[in-house]
Amino acid sequence: MSMKIIMLLLTLGTDGSTHVSFGETESLEACAARLEQVKPVLEKAGIGIIETRCAPSDIEVSKYDRNAPKDAPRYDYRVVLKADGFEAAPVGADGCTPAESDAGKVFCASSQQQPLGATAGK
């Protein structure tokens, strides 16, 4: 599976839950520029930003739909922040509970973006 440059957005939902969004970009520069456009919009809307990253990743998810209904299905992911990027993978029925020692580095987050391809089978 080939690596793509992925924009990662970890945000805080109004209910206190962690949400994650992914966006494929053409380059690290394009990703950084996109983040500079998106961050003020989220902040103006009162959405808390936990972390943003631009990094190579092999994750495959459905395209983000900003018009998705509030009751759209959600999918759970385990996101690990690293000095040089991140790792993200869907979690199964067992769920995701980061250890206390992983606080600030490992997040269990939900997304309206469905896992696709090889990512779906993880």
PDB file of N, CA and C in Angstrom:
ATOM      1  N   MET A   1       0.845  -1.169   0.000  1.00  0.00           N
ATOM      2  CA  MET A   1       0.000   0.000   0.000  1.00  0.00           C
ATOM      3  C   MET A   1       0.895   1.238   0.000  1.00  0.00           C
ATOM      4  N   SER A   2       0.561   2.218  -0.811  1.00  0.00           N
ATOM      5  CA  SER A   2       1.417   3.399  -0.897  1.00  0.00           C
ATOM      6  C   SER A   2       1.036   4.438   0.147  1.00  0.00           C
ATOM      7  N   MET A   3       2.045   5.177   0.556  1.00  0.00           N
ATOM      8  CA  MET A   3       1.842   6.231   1.533  1.00  0.00           C
ATOM      9  C   MET A   3       1.383   7.496   0.816  1.00  0.00           C
ATOM     10  N   LYS A   4       0.451   8.198   1.445  1.00  0.00           N
ATOM     11  CA  LYS A   4      -0.054   9.468   0.940  1.00  0.00           C
ATOM     12  C   LYS A   4       0.187  10.510   2.030  1.00  0.00           C
ATOM     13  N   ILE A   5       0.141  11.768   1.674  1.00  0.00           N
ATOM     14  CA  ILE A   5       0.233  12.825   2.684  1.00  0.00           C
ATOM     15  C   ILE A   5      -1.180  13.057   3.200  1.00  0.00           C
ATOM     16  N   ILE A   6      -1.347  12.857   4.500  1.00  0.00           N
ATOM     17  CA  ILE A   6      -2.660  12.954   5.124  1.00  0.00           C
ATOM     18  C   ILE A   6      -2.669  14.097   6.136  1.00  0.00           C
ATOM     19  N   MET A   7      -3.736  14.888   6.088  1.00  0.00           N
ATOM     20  CA  MET A   7      -3.985  15.919   7.086  1.00  0.00           C
ATOM     21  C   MET A   7      -4.830  15.276   8.182  1.00  0.00           C
ATOM     22  N   LEU A   8      -4.357  15.348   9.393  1.00  0.00           N
ATOM     23  CA  LEU A   8      -5.058  14.794  10.550  1.00  0.00           C
ATOM     24  C   LEU A   8      -5.571  15.949  11.402  1.00  0.00           C
ATOM     25  N   LEU A   9      -6.849  15.886  11.756  1.00  0.00           N
ATOM     26  CA  LEU A   9      -7.450  16.862  12.666  1.00  0.00           C
ATOM     27  C   LEU A   9      -8.057  16.101  13.839  1.00  0.00           C
ATOM     28  N   LEU A  10      -7.547  16.329  15.033  1.00  0.00           N
ATOM     29  CA  LEU A  10      -8.149  15.792  16.249  1.00  0.00           C
ATOM     30  C   LEU A  10      -8.876  16.950  16.921  1.00  0.00           C
ATOM     31  N   THR A  11     -10.174  16.798  17.130  1.00  0.00           N
ATOM     32  CA  THR A  11     -10.962  17.879  17.715  1.00  0.00           C
ATOM     33  C   THR A  11     -11.775  17.367  18.890  1.00  0.00           C
ATOM     34  N   LEU A  12     -12.278  18.304  19.671  1.00  0.00           N
ATOM     35  CA  LEU A  12     -13.085  17.985  20.837  1.00  0.00           C
ATOM     36  C   LEU A  12     -14.543  18.249  20.515  1.00  0.00           C
ATOM     37  N   GLY A  13     -15.381  17.206  20.623  1.00  0.00           N
ATOM     38  CA  GLY A  13     -16.802  17.354  20.372  1.00  0.00           C
ATOM     39  C   GLY A  13     -17.482  18.118  21.499  1.00  0.00           C
ATOM     40  N   THR A  14     -18.679  18.622  21.250  1.00  0.00           N
ATOM     41  CA  THR A  14     -19.407  19.379  22.265  1.00  0.00           C
ATOM     42  C   THR A  14     -19.741  18.522  23.485  1.00  0.00           C
ATOM     43  N   ASP A  15     -19.759  17.207  23.305  1.00  0.00           N
ATOM     44  CA  ASP A  15     -20.037  16.299  24.424  1.00  0.00           C
ATOM     45  C   ASP A  15     -18.761  15.859  25.139  1.00  0.00           C
ATOM     46  N   GLY A  16     -17.620  16.434  24.744  1.00  0.00           N
ATOM     47  CA  GLY A  16     -16.345  16.097  25.372  1.00  0.00           C
ATOM     48  C   GLY A  16     -15.620  14.930  24.734  1.00  0.00           C
ATOM     49  N   SER A  17     -16.212  14.325  23.719  1.00  0.00           N
ATOM     50  CA  SER A  17     -15.560  13.198  23.055  1.00  0.00           C
ATOM     51  C   SER A  17     -14.545  13.705  22.029  1.00  0.00           C
ATOM     52  N   THR A  18     -13.592  12.844  21.708  1.00  0.00           N
ATOM     53  CA  THR A  18     -12.568  13.189  20.730  1.00  0.00           C
ATOM     54  C   THR A  18     -13.001  12.720  19.349  1.00  0.00           C
ATOM     55  N   HIS A  19     -12.872  13.612  18.382  1.00  0.00           N
ATOM     56  CA  HIS A  19     -13.224  13.300  16.996  1.00  0.00           C
ATOM     57  C   HIS A  19     -11.966  13.392  16.144  1.00  0.00           C
ATOM     58  N   VAL A  20     -11.936  12.629  15.058  1.00  0.00           N
ATOM     59  CA  VAL A  20     -10.807  12.678  14.136  1.00  0.00           C
ATOM     60  C   VAL A  20     -11.327  12.807  12.707  1.00  0.00           C
ATOM     61  N   SER A  21     -10.600  13.595  11.917  1.00  0.00           N
ATOM     62  CA  SER A  21     -10.891  13.739  10.489  1.00  0.00           C
ATOM     63  C   SER A  21      -9.581  13.599   9.734  1.00  0.00           C
ATOM     64  N   PHE A  22      -9.684  13.016   8.544  1.00  0.00           N
ATOM     65  CA  PHE A  22      -8.523  12.795   7.696  1.00  0.00           C
ATOM     66  C   PHE A  22      -8.779  13.443   6.339  1.00  0.00           C
ATOM     67  N   GLY A  23      -7.740  14.005   5.742  1.00  0.00           N
ATOM     68  CA  GLY A  23      -7.860  14.567   4.403  1.00  0.00           C
ATOM     69  C   GLY A  23      -6.588  14.316   3.622  1.00  0.00           C
ATOM     70  N   GLU A  24      -6.724  13.752   2.441  1.00  0.00           N
ATOM     71  CA  GLU A  24      -5.555  13.483   1.599  1.00  0.00           C
ATOM     72  C   GLU A  24      -5.142  14.764   0.890  1.00  0.00           C
ATOM     73  N   THR A  25      -3.828  15.021   0.857  1.00  0.00           N
ATOM     74  CA  THR A  25      -3.303  16.199   0.167  1.00  0.00           C
ATOM     75  C   THR A  25      -2.168  15.775  -0.766  1.00  0.00           C
ATOM     76  N   GLU A  26      -1.761  16.701  -1.643  1.00  0.00           N
ATOM     77  CA  GLU A  26      -0.742  16.383  -2.645  1.00  0.00           C
ATOM     78  C   GLU A  26       0.680  16.435  -2.103  1.00  0.00           C
ATOM     79  N   SER A  27       0.891  17.231  -1.047  1.00  0.00           N
ATOM     80  CA  SER A  27       2.246  17.403  -0.517  1.00  0.00           C
ATOM     81  C   SER A  27       2.161  17.911   0.917  1.00  0.00           C
ATOM     82  N   LEU A  28       3.297  17.887   1.606  1.00  0.00           N
ATOM     83  CA  LEU A  28       3.335  18.448   2.962  1.00  0.00           C
ATOM     84  C   LEU A  28       3.014  19.939   2.931  1.00  0.00           C
ATOM     85  N   GLU A  29       3.479  20.636   1.912  1.00  0.00           N
ATOM     86  CA  GLU A  29       3.216  22.065   1.786  1.00  0.00           C
ATOM     87  C   GLU A  29       1.725  22.329   1.575  1.00  0.00           C
ATOM     88  N   ALA A  30       1.092  21.539   0.705  1.00  0.00           N
ATOM     89  CA  ALA A  30      -0.342  21.690   0.458  1.00  0.00           C
ATOM     90  C   ALA A  30      -1.140  21.385   1.726  1.00  0.00           C
ATOM     91  N   CYS A  31      -0.690  20.400   2.474  1.00  0.00           N
ATOM     92  CA  CYS A  31      -1.357  20.042   3.720  1.00  0.00           C
ATOM     93  C   CYS A  31      -1.271  21.193   4.719  1.00  0.00           C
ATOM     94  N   ALA A  32      -0.083  21.760   4.883  1.00  0.00           N
ATOM     95  CA  ALA A  32       0.105  22.874   5.820  1.00  0.00           C
ATOM     96  C   ALA A  32      -0.770  24.062   5.421  1.00  0.00           C
ATOM     97  N   ALA A  33      -0.853  24.330   4.118  1.00  0.00           N
ATOM     98  CA  ALA A  33      -1.683  25.438   3.637  1.00  0.00           C
ATOM     99  C   ALA A  33      -3.159  25.168   3.932  1.00  0.00           C
ATOM    100  N   ARG A  34      -3.575  23.934   3.754  1.00  0.00           N
ATOM    101  CA  ARG A  34      -4.967  23.558   4.027  1.00  0.00           C
ATOM    102  C   ARG A  34      -5.285  23.713   5.503  1.00  0.00           C
ATOM    103  N   LEU A  35      -4.352  23.301   6.359  1.00  0.00           N
ATOM    104  CA  LEU A  35      -4.555  23.465   7.800  1.00  0.00           C
ATOM    105  C   LEU A  35      -4.707  24.937   8.166  1.00  0.00           C
ATOM    106  N   GLU A  36      -3.930  25.800   7.527  1.00  0.00           N
ATOM    107  CA  GLU A  36      -4.022  27.236   7.808  1.00  0.00           C
ATOM    108  C   GLU A  36      -5.383  27.797   7.406  1.00  0.00           C
ATOM    109  N   GLN A  37      -6.045  27.160   6.444  1.00  0.00           N
ATOM    110  CA  GLN A  37      -7.388  27.573   6.046  1.00  0.00           C
ATOM    111  C   GLN A  37      -8.446  27.008   6.986  1.00  0.00           C
ATOM    112  N   VAL A  38      -8.272  25.767   7.408  1.00  0.00           N
ATOM    113  CA  VAL A  38      -9.281  25.057   8.191  1.00  0.00           C
ATOM    114  C   VAL A  38      -9.296  25.490   9.662  1.00  0.00           C
ATOM    115  N   LYS A  39      -8.133  25.666  10.248  1.00  0.00           N
ATOM    116  CA  LYS A  39      -8.060  25.961  11.675  1.00  0.00           C
ATOM    117  C   LYS A  39      -8.883  27.192  12.091  1.00  0.00           C
ATOM    118  N   PRO A  40      -8.776  28.330  11.403  1.00  0.00           N
ATOM    119  CA  PRO A  40      -9.584  29.487  11.815  1.00  0.00           C
ATOM    120  C   PRO A  40     -11.088  29.237  11.706  1.00  0.00           C
ATOM    121  N   VAL A  41     -11.497  28.453  10.715  1.00  0.00           N
ATOM    122  CA  VAL A  41     -12.915  28.131  10.544  1.00  0.00           C
ATOM    123  C   VAL A  41     -13.411  27.317  11.746  1.00  0.00           C
ATOM    124  N   LEU A  42     -12.628  26.317  12.148  1.00  0.00           N
ATOM    125  CA  LEU A  42     -13.001  25.503  13.300  1.00  0.00           C
ATOM    126  C   LEU A  42     -13.032  26.338  14.577  1.00  0.00           C
ATOM    127  N   GLU A  43     -12.002  27.161  14.761  1.00  0.00           N
ATOM    128  CA  GLU A  43     -11.941  28.005  15.960  1.00  0.00           C
ATOM    129  C   GLU A  43     -13.117  28.970  16.020  1.00  0.00           C
ATOM    130  N   LYS A  44     -13.473  29.570  14.886  1.00  0.00           N
ATOM    131  CA  LYS A  44     -14.603  30.503  14.840  1.00  0.00           C
ATOM    132  C   LYS A  44     -15.912  29.789  15.172  1.00  0.00           C
ATOM    133  N   ALA A  45     -16.006  28.510  14.792  1.00  0.00           N
ATOM    134  CA  ALA A  45     -17.204  27.717  15.078  1.00  0.00           C
ATOM    135  C   ALA A  45     -17.217  27.191  16.511  1.00  0.00           C
ATOM    136  N   GLY A  46     -16.157  27.474  17.276  1.00  0.00           N
ATOM    137  CA  GLY A  46     -16.104  27.026  18.666  1.00  0.00           C
ATOM    138  C   GLY A  46     -15.682  25.584  18.834  1.00  0.00           C
ATOM    139  N   ILE A  47     -15.082  25.008  17.805  1.00  0.00           N
ATOM    140  CA  ILE A  47     -14.622  23.620  17.871  1.00  0.00           C
ATOM    141  C   ILE A  47     -13.207  23.605  18.420  1.00  0.00           C
ATOM    142  N   GLY A  48     -13.010  22.884  19.510  1.00  0.00           N
ATOM    143  CA  GLY A  48     -11.695  22.802  20.126  1.00  0.00           C
ATOM    144  C   GLY A  48     -10.763  21.914  19.326  1.00  0.00           C
ATOM    145  N   ILE A  49      -9.596  22.427  19.013  1.00  0.00           N
ATOM    146  CA  ILE A  49      -8.602  21.654  18.271  1.00  0.00           C
ATOM    147  C   ILE A  49      -7.619  21.063  19.268  1.00  0.00           C
ATOM    148  N   ILE A  50      -7.530  19.736  19.276  1.00  0.00           N
ATOM    149  CA  ILE A  50      -6.590  19.045  20.158  1.00  0.00           C
ATOM    150  C   ILE A  50      -5.211  18.996  19.502  1.00  0.00           C
ATOM    151  N   GLU A  51      -5.181  18.606  18.235  1.00  0.00           N
ATOM    152  CA  GLU A  51      -3.906  18.450  17.527  1.00  0.00           C
ATOM    153  C   GLU A  51      -4.169  18.399  16.031  1.00  0.00           C
ATOM    154  N   THR A  52      -3.212  18.875  15.265  1.00  0.00           N
ATOM    155  CA  THR A  52      -3.242  18.745  13.806  1.00  0.00           C
ATOM    156  C   THR A  52      -1.883  18.222  13.366  1.00  0.00           C
ATOM    157  N   ARG A  53      -1.878  17.454  12.300  1.00  0.00           N
ATOM    158  CA  ARG A  53      -0.631  16.917  11.753  1.00  0.00           C
ATOM    159  C   ARG A  53      -0.755  16.785  10.241  1.00  0.00           C
ATOM    160  N   CYS A  54       0.367  16.868   9.584  1.00  0.00           N
ATOM    161  CA  CYS A  54       0.502  16.539   8.167  1.00  0.00           C
ATOM    162  C   CYS A  54       1.624  15.519   8.094  1.00  0.00           C
ATOM    163  N   ALA A  55       1.329  14.337   7.560  1.00  0.00           N
ATOM    164  CA  ALA A  55       2.358  13.298   7.534  1.00  0.00           C
ATOM    165  C   ALA A  55       1.985  12.209   6.541  1.00  0.00           C
ATOM    166  N   PRO A  56       3.002  11.463   6.084  1.00  0.00           N
ATOM    167  CA  PRO A  56       2.712  10.293   5.251  1.00  0.00           C
ATOM    168  C   PRO A  56       1.936   9.254   6.057  1.00  0.00           C
ATOM    169  N   SER A  57       0.971   8.618   5.420  1.00  0.00           N
ATOM    170  CA  SER A  57       0.173   7.578   6.076  1.00  0.00           C
ATOM    171  C   SER A  57      -0.409   6.658   5.018  1.00  0.00           C
ATOM    172  N   ASP A  58      -0.690   5.427   5.423  1.00  0.00           N
ATOM    173  CA  ASP A  58      -1.330   4.497   4.497  1.00  0.00           C
ATOM    174  C   ASP A  58      -2.810   4.312   4.826  1.00  0.00           C
ATOM    175  N   ILE A  59      -3.360   5.139   5.713  1.00  0.00           N
ATOM    176  CA  ILE A  59      -4.770   4.993   6.081  1.00  0.00           C
ATOM    177  C   ILE A  59      -5.660   5.330   4.882  1.00  0.00           C
ATOM    178  N   GLU A  60      -6.708   4.534   4.729  1.00  0.00           N
ATOM    179  CA  GLU A  60      -7.688   4.749   3.664  1.00  0.00           C
ATOM    180  C   GLU A  60      -9.065   4.885   4.301  1.00  0.00           C
ATOM    181  N   VAL A  61      -9.681   6.041   4.087  1.00  0.00           N
ATOM    182  CA  VAL A  61     -11.016   6.297   4.637  1.00  0.00           C
ATOM    183  C   VAL A  61     -11.865   6.989   3.581  1.00  0.00           C
ATOM    184  N   SER A  62     -13.182   6.972   3.805  1.00  0.00           N
ATOM    185  CA  SER A  62     -14.079   7.678   2.897  1.00  0.00           C
ATOM    186  C   SER A  62     -13.806   9.181   2.992  1.00  0.00           C
ATOM    187  N   LYS A  63     -14.199   9.885   1.966  1.00  0.00           N
ATOM    188  CA  LYS A  63     -13.999  11.335   1.914  1.00  0.00           C
ATOM    189  C   LYS A  63     -14.840  12.002   3.005  1.00  0.00           C
ATOM    190  N   TYR A  64     -14.307  13.054   3.603  1.00  0.00           N
ATOM    191  CA  TYR A  64     -15.031  13.793   4.639  1.00  0.00           C
ATOM    192  C   TYR A  64     -16.239  14.484   4.021  1.00  0.00           C
ATOM    193  N   ASP A  65     -17.387  14.365   4.683  1.00  0.00           N
ATOM    194  CA  ASP A  65     -18.621  14.984   4.206  1.00  0.00           C
ATOM    195  C   ASP A  65     -19.066  16.029   5.223  1.00  0.00           C
ATOM    196  N   ARG A  66     -18.796  17.288   4.934  1.00  0.00           N
ATOM    197  CA  ARG A  66     -19.154  18.340   5.897  1.00  0.00           C
ATOM    198  C   ARG A  66     -20.650  18.505   6.057  1.00  0.00           C
ATOM    199  N   ASN A  67     -21.440  17.909   5.161  1.00  0.00           N
ATOM    200  CA  ASN A  67     -22.899  17.998   5.247  1.00  0.00           C
ATOM    201  C   ASN A  67     -23.537  16.711   5.768  1.00  0.00           C
ATOM    202  N   ALA A  68     -22.731  15.831   6.355  1.00  0.00           N
ATOM    203  CA  ALA A  68     -23.275  14.574   6.881  1.00  0.00           C
ATOM    204  C   ALA A  68     -24.267  14.872   8.004  1.00  0.00           C
ATOM    205  N   PRO A  69     -25.362  14.115   8.069  1.00  0.00           N
ATOM    206  CA  PRO A  69     -26.323  14.337   9.156  1.00  0.00           C
ATOM    207  C   PRO A  69     -25.694  14.025  10.514  1.00  0.00           C
ATOM    208  N   LYS A  70     -26.193  14.681  11.551  1.00  0.00           N
ATOM    209  CA  LYS A  70     -25.646  14.477  12.899  1.00  0.00           C
ATOM    210  C   LYS A  70     -25.749  13.025  13.355  1.00  0.00           C
ATOM    211  N   ASP A  71     -26.730  12.289  12.835  1.00  0.00           N
ATOM    212  CA  ASP A  71     -26.905  10.890  13.250  1.00  0.00           C
ATOM    213  C   ASP A  71     -26.240   9.908  12.282  1.00  0.00           C
ATOM    214  N   ALA A  72     -25.333  10.410  11.435  1.00  0.00           N
ATOM    215  CA  ALA A  72     -24.608   9.525  10.506  1.00  0.00           C
ATOM    216  C   ALA A  72     -23.778   8.528  11.316  1.00  0.00           C
ATOM    217  N   PRO A  73     -23.558   7.335  10.772  1.00  0.00           N
ATOM    218  CA  PRO A  73     -22.735   6.355  11.501  1.00  0.00           C
ATOM    219  C   PRO A  73     -21.346   6.917  11.788  1.00  0.00           C
ATOM    220  N   ARG A  74     -20.792   6.495  12.923  1.00  0.00           N
ATOM    221  CA  ARG A  74     -19.444   6.917  13.304  1.00  0.00           C
ATOM    222  C   ARG A  74     -18.567   5.689  13.434  1.00  0.00           C
ATOM    223  N   TYR A  75     -17.274   5.882  13.176  1.00  0.00           N
ATOM    224  CA  TYR A  75     -16.302   4.798  13.202  1.00  0.00           C
ATOM    225  C   TYR A  75     -15.187   5.188  14.169  1.00  0.00           C
ATOM    226  N   ASP A  76     -14.725   4.220  14.938  1.00  0.00           N
ATOM    227  CA  ASP A  76     -13.711   4.492  15.952  1.00  0.00           C
ATOM    228  C   ASP A  76     -12.311   4.187  15.445  1.00  0.00           C
ATOM    229  N   TYR A  77     -11.376   5.072  15.800  1.00  0.00           N
ATOM    230  CA  TYR A  77      -9.977   4.953  15.409  1.00  0.00           C
ATOM    231  C   TYR A  77      -9.076   5.128  16.625  1.00  0.00           C
ATOM    232  N   ARG A  78      -7.947   4.470  16.586  1.00  0.00           N
ATOM    233  CA  ARG A  78      -6.875   4.695  17.567  1.00  0.00           C
ATOM    234  C   ARG A  78      -5.818   5.515  16.841  1.00  0.00           C
ATOM    235  N   VAL A  79      -5.501   6.683  17.395  1.00  0.00           N
ATOM    236  CA  VAL A  79      -4.546   7.600  16.783  1.00  0.00           C
ATOM    237  C   VAL A  79      -3.360   7.749  17.725  1.00  0.00           C
ATOM    238  N   VAL A  80      -2.170   7.490  17.216  1.00  0.00           N
ATOM    239  CA  VAL A  80      -0.935   7.625  17.984  1.00  0.00           C
ATOM    240  C   VAL A  80      -0.134   8.770  17.387  1.00  0.00           C
ATOM    241  N   LEU A  81       0.106   9.808  18.191  1.00  0.00           N
ATOM    242  CA  LEU A  81       0.909  10.939  17.734  1.00  0.00           C
ATOM    243  C   LEU A  81       2.376  10.615  17.945  1.00  0.00           C
ATOM    244  N   LYS A  82       3.170  10.900  16.931  1.00  0.00           N
ATOM    245  CA  LYS A  82       4.611  10.648  16.977  1.00  0.00           C
ATOM    246  C   LYS A  82       5.336  11.940  16.629  1.00  0.00           C
ATOM    247  N   ALA A  83       6.594  12.006  16.982  1.00  0.00           N
ATOM    248  CA  ALA A  83       7.378  13.220  16.712  1.00  0.00           C
ATOM    249  C   ALA A  83       7.380  13.564  15.234  1.00  0.00           C
ATOM    250  N   ASP A  84       7.372  12.544  14.369  1.00  0.00           N
ATOM    251  CA  ASP A  84       7.445  12.781  12.926  1.00  0.00           C
ATOM    252  C   ASP A  84       6.124  12.540  12.203  1.00  0.00           C
ATOM    253  N   GLY A  85       5.011  12.492  12.926  1.00  0.00           N
ATOM    254  CA  GLY A  85       3.719  12.286  12.276  1.00  0.00           C
ATOM    255  C   GLY A  85       2.716  11.604  13.174  1.00  0.00           C
ATOM    256  N   PHE A  86       2.066  10.571  12.630  1.00  0.00           N
ATOM    257  CA  PHE A  86       1.049   9.849  13.386  1.00  0.00           C
ATOM    258  C   PHE A  86       0.819   8.483  12.774  1.00  0.00           C
ATOM    259  N   GLU A  87       0.186   7.615  13.551  1.00  0.00           N
ATOM    260  CA  GLU A  87      -0.348   6.348  13.057  1.00  0.00           C
ATOM    261  C   GLU A  87      -1.816   6.339  13.413  1.00  0.00           C
ATOM    262  N   ALA A  88      -2.650   5.835  12.533  1.00  0.00           N
ATOM    263  CA  ALA A  88      -4.081   5.747  12.805  1.00  0.00           C
ATOM    264  C   ALA A  88      -4.610   4.452  12.221  1.00  0.00           C
ATOM    265  N   ALA A  89      -5.509   3.821  12.969  1.00  0.00           N
ATOM    266  CA  ALA A  89      -6.125   2.577  12.503  1.00  0.00           C
ATOM    267  C   ALA A  89      -7.489   2.441  13.150  1.00  0.00           C
ATOM    268  N   PRO A  90      -8.434   1.836  12.422  1.00  0.00           N
ATOM    269  CA  PRO A  90      -9.742   1.592  13.022  1.00  0.00           C
ATOM    270  C   PRO A  90      -9.624   0.577  14.148  1.00  0.00           C
ATOM    271  N   VAL A  91     -10.508   0.696  15.121  1.00  0.00           N
ATOM    272  CA  VAL A  91     -10.520  -0.270  16.222  1.00  0.00           C
ATOM    273  C   VAL A  91     -11.720  -1.181  16.054  1.00  0.00           C
ATOM    274  N   GLY A  92     -11.569  -2.393  16.513  1.00  0.00           N
ATOM    275  CA  GLY A  92     -12.640  -3.379  16.408  1.00  0.00           C
ATOM    276  C   GLY A  92     -13.609  -3.289  17.563  1.00  0.00           C
ATOM    277  N   ALA A  93     -14.318  -4.361  17.775  1.00  0.00           N
ATOM    278  CA  ALA A  93     -15.351  -4.427  18.810  1.00  0.00           C
ATOM    279  C   ALA A  93     -14.772  -4.262  20.214  1.00  0.00           C
ATOM    280  N   ASP A  94     -13.488  -4.567  20.377  1.00  0.00           N
ATOM    281  CA  ASP A  94     -12.864  -4.438  21.695  1.00  0.00           C
ATOM    282  C   ASP A  94     -12.684  -2.985  22.102  1.00  0.00           C
ATOM    283  N   GLY A  95     -12.802  -2.075  21.177  1.00  0.00           N
ATOM    284  CA  GLY A  95     -12.670  -0.662  21.487  1.00  0.00           C
ATOM    285  C   GLY A  95     -11.229  -0.231  21.663  1.00  0.00           C
ATOM    286  N   CYS A  96     -11.066   0.897  22.320  1.00  0.00           N
ATOM    287  CA  CYS A  96      -9.750   1.518  22.453  1.00  0.00           C
ATOM    288  C   CYS A  96      -9.701   2.230  23.795  1.00  0.00           C
ATOM    289  N   THR A  97      -8.734   1.892  24.599  1.00  0.00           N
ATOM    290  CA  THR A  97      -8.524   2.575  25.874  1.00  0.00           C
ATOM    291  C   THR A  97      -7.032   2.828  26.034  1.00  0.00           C
ATOM    292  N   PRO A  98      -6.591   4.083  25.858  1.00  0.00           N
ATOM    293  CA  PRO A  98      -5.163   4.354  26.012  1.00  0.00           C
ATOM    294  C   PRO A  98      -4.744   4.252  27.478  1.00  0.00           C
ATOM    295  N   ALA A  99      -3.528   3.796  27.697  1.00  0.00           N
ATOM    296  CA  ALA A  99      -2.989   3.733  29.052  1.00  0.00           C
ATOM    297  C   ALA A  99      -2.733   5.153  29.554  1.00  0.00           C
ATOM    298  N   GLU A 100      -2.775   5.336  30.870  1.00  0.00           N
ATOM    299  CA  GLU A 100      -2.505   6.656  31.439  1.00  0.00           C
ATOM    300  C   GLU A 100      -1.159   7.198  30.989  1.00  0.00           C
ATOM    301  N   SER A 101      -0.182   6.322  30.855  1.00  0.00           N
ATOM    302  CA  SER A 101       1.155   6.756  30.442  1.00  0.00           C
ATOM    303  C   SER A 101       1.172   7.249  28.993  1.00  0.00           C
ATOM    304  N   ASP A 102       0.113   6.959  28.233  1.00  0.00           N
ATOM    305  CA  ASP A 102       0.016   7.387  26.835  1.00  0.00           C
ATOM    306  C   ASP A 102      -0.753   8.696  26.675  1.00  0.00           C
ATOM    307  N   ALA A 103      -1.166   9.302  27.788  1.00  0.00           N
ATOM    308  CA  ALA A 103      -1.963  10.530  27.721  1.00  0.00           C
ATOM    309  C   ALA A 103      -1.244  11.580  26.874  1.00  0.00           C
ATOM    310  N   GLY A 104      -1.990  12.183  25.962  1.00  0.00           N
ATOM    311  CA  GLY A 104      -1.419  13.189  25.088  1.00  0.00           C
ATOM    312  C   GLY A 104      -0.719  12.633  23.864  1.00  0.00           C
ATOM    313  N   LYS A 105      -0.551  11.307  23.803  1.00  0.00           N
ATOM    314  CA  LYS A 105       0.104  10.677  22.649  1.00  0.00           C
ATOM    315  C   LYS A 105      -0.823   9.713  21.926  1.00  0.00           C
ATOM    316  N   VAL A 106      -1.719   9.073  22.666  1.00  0.00           N
ATOM    317  CA  VAL A 106      -2.632   8.091  22.085  1.00  0.00           C
ATOM    318  C   VAL A 106      -4.068   8.556  22.341  1.00  0.00           C
ATOM    319  N   PHE A 107      -4.868   8.571  21.265  1.00  0.00           N
ATOM    320  CA  PHE A 107      -6.244   9.025  21.364  1.00  0.00           C
ATOM    321  C   PHE A 107      -7.179   7.980  20.774  1.00  0.00           C
ATOM    322  N   CYS A 108      -8.319   7.812  21.395  1.00  0.00           N
ATOM    323  CA  CYS A 108      -9.409   7.022  20.835  1.00  0.00           C
ATOM    324  C   CYS A 108     -10.414   8.052  20.343  1.00  0.00           C
ATOM    325  N   ALA A 109     -10.664   8.055  19.053  1.00  0.00           N
ATOM    326  CA  ALA A 109     -11.477   9.106  18.463  1.00  0.00           C
ATOM    327  C   ALA A 109     -12.475   8.512  17.475  1.00  0.00           C
ATOM    328  N   SER A 110     -13.612   9.184  17.346  1.00  0.00           N
ATOM    329  CA  SER A 110     -14.612   8.725  16.384  1.00  0.00           C
ATOM    330  C   SER A 110     -14.623   9.654  15.180  1.00  0.00           C
ATOM    331  N   SER A 111     -15.082   9.107  14.065  1.00  0.00           N
ATOM    332  CA  SER A 111     -15.110   9.850  12.811  1.00  0.00           C
ATOM    333  C   SER A 111     -16.311   9.422  11.989  1.00  0.00           C
ATOM    334  N   GLN A 112     -16.806  10.321  11.169  1.00  0.00           N
ATOM    335  CA  GLN A 112     -17.858   9.936  10.221  1.00  0.00           C
ATOM    336  C   GLN A 112     -17.244   9.310   8.974  1.00  0.00           C
ATOM    337  N   GLN A 113     -15.912   9.280   8.900  1.00  0.00           N
ATOM    338  CA  GLN A 113     -15.227   8.703   7.742  1.00  0.00           C
ATOM    339  C   GLN A 113     -15.032   7.200   7.945  1.00  0.00           C
ATOM    340  N   GLN A 114     -15.580   6.440   7.032  1.00  0.00           N
ATOM    341  CA  GLN A 114     -15.540   4.980   7.098  1.00  0.00           C
ATOM    342  C   GLN A 114     -14.199   4.436   6.634  1.00  0.00           C
ATOM    343  N   PRO A 115     -13.658   3.429   7.357  1.00  0.00           N
ATOM    344  CA  PRO A 115     -12.426   2.789   6.887  1.00  0.00           C
ATOM    345  C   PRO A 115     -12.676   2.105   5.535  1.00  0.00           C
ATOM    346  N   LEU A 116     -11.691   2.190   4.635  1.00  0.00           N
ATOM    347  CA  LEU A 116     -11.801   1.578   3.308  1.00  0.00           C
ATOM    348  C   LEU A 116     -10.592   0.701   3.034  1.00  0.00           C
ATOM    349  N   GLY A 117     -10.689  -0.125   2.001  1.00  0.00           N
ATOM    350  CA  GLY A 117      -9.555  -0.929   1.535  1.00  0.00           C
ATOM    351  C   GLY A 117      -8.927  -1.742   2.632  1.00  0.00           C
ATOM    352  N   ALA A 118      -7.610  -1.813   2.618  1.00  0.00           N
ATOM    353  CA  ALA A 118      -6.855  -2.590   3.595  1.00  0.00           C
ATOM    354  C   ALA A 118      -7.052  -2.045   5.003  1.00  0.00           C
ATOM    355  N   THR A 119      -7.299  -0.715   5.126  1.00  0.00           N
ATOM    356  CA  THR A 119      -7.521  -0.111   6.439  1.00  0.00           C
ATOM    357  C   THR A 119      -8.731  -0.737   7.107  1.00  0.00           C
ATOM    358  N   ALA A 120      -9.767  -1.051   6.338  1.00  0.00           N
ATOM    359  CA  ALA A 120     -10.994  -1.599   6.901  1.00  0.00           C
ATOM    360  C   ALA A 120     -10.778  -2.959   7.538  1.00  0.00           C
ATOM    361  N   GLY A 121      -9.776  -3.697   7.058  1.00  0.00           N
ATOM    362  CA  GLY A 121      -9.529  -5.030   7.570  1.00  0.00           C
ATOM    363  C   GLY A 121      -8.624  -5.094   8.780  1.00  0.00           C
ATOM    364  N   LYS A 122      -8.137  -3.935   9.235  1.00  0.00           N
ATOM    365  CA  LYS A 122      -7.211  -3.930  10.373  1.00  0.00           C
ATOM    366  C   LYS A 122      -7.931  -4.127  11.680  1.00  0.00           C
TER     367      LYS A 122
END
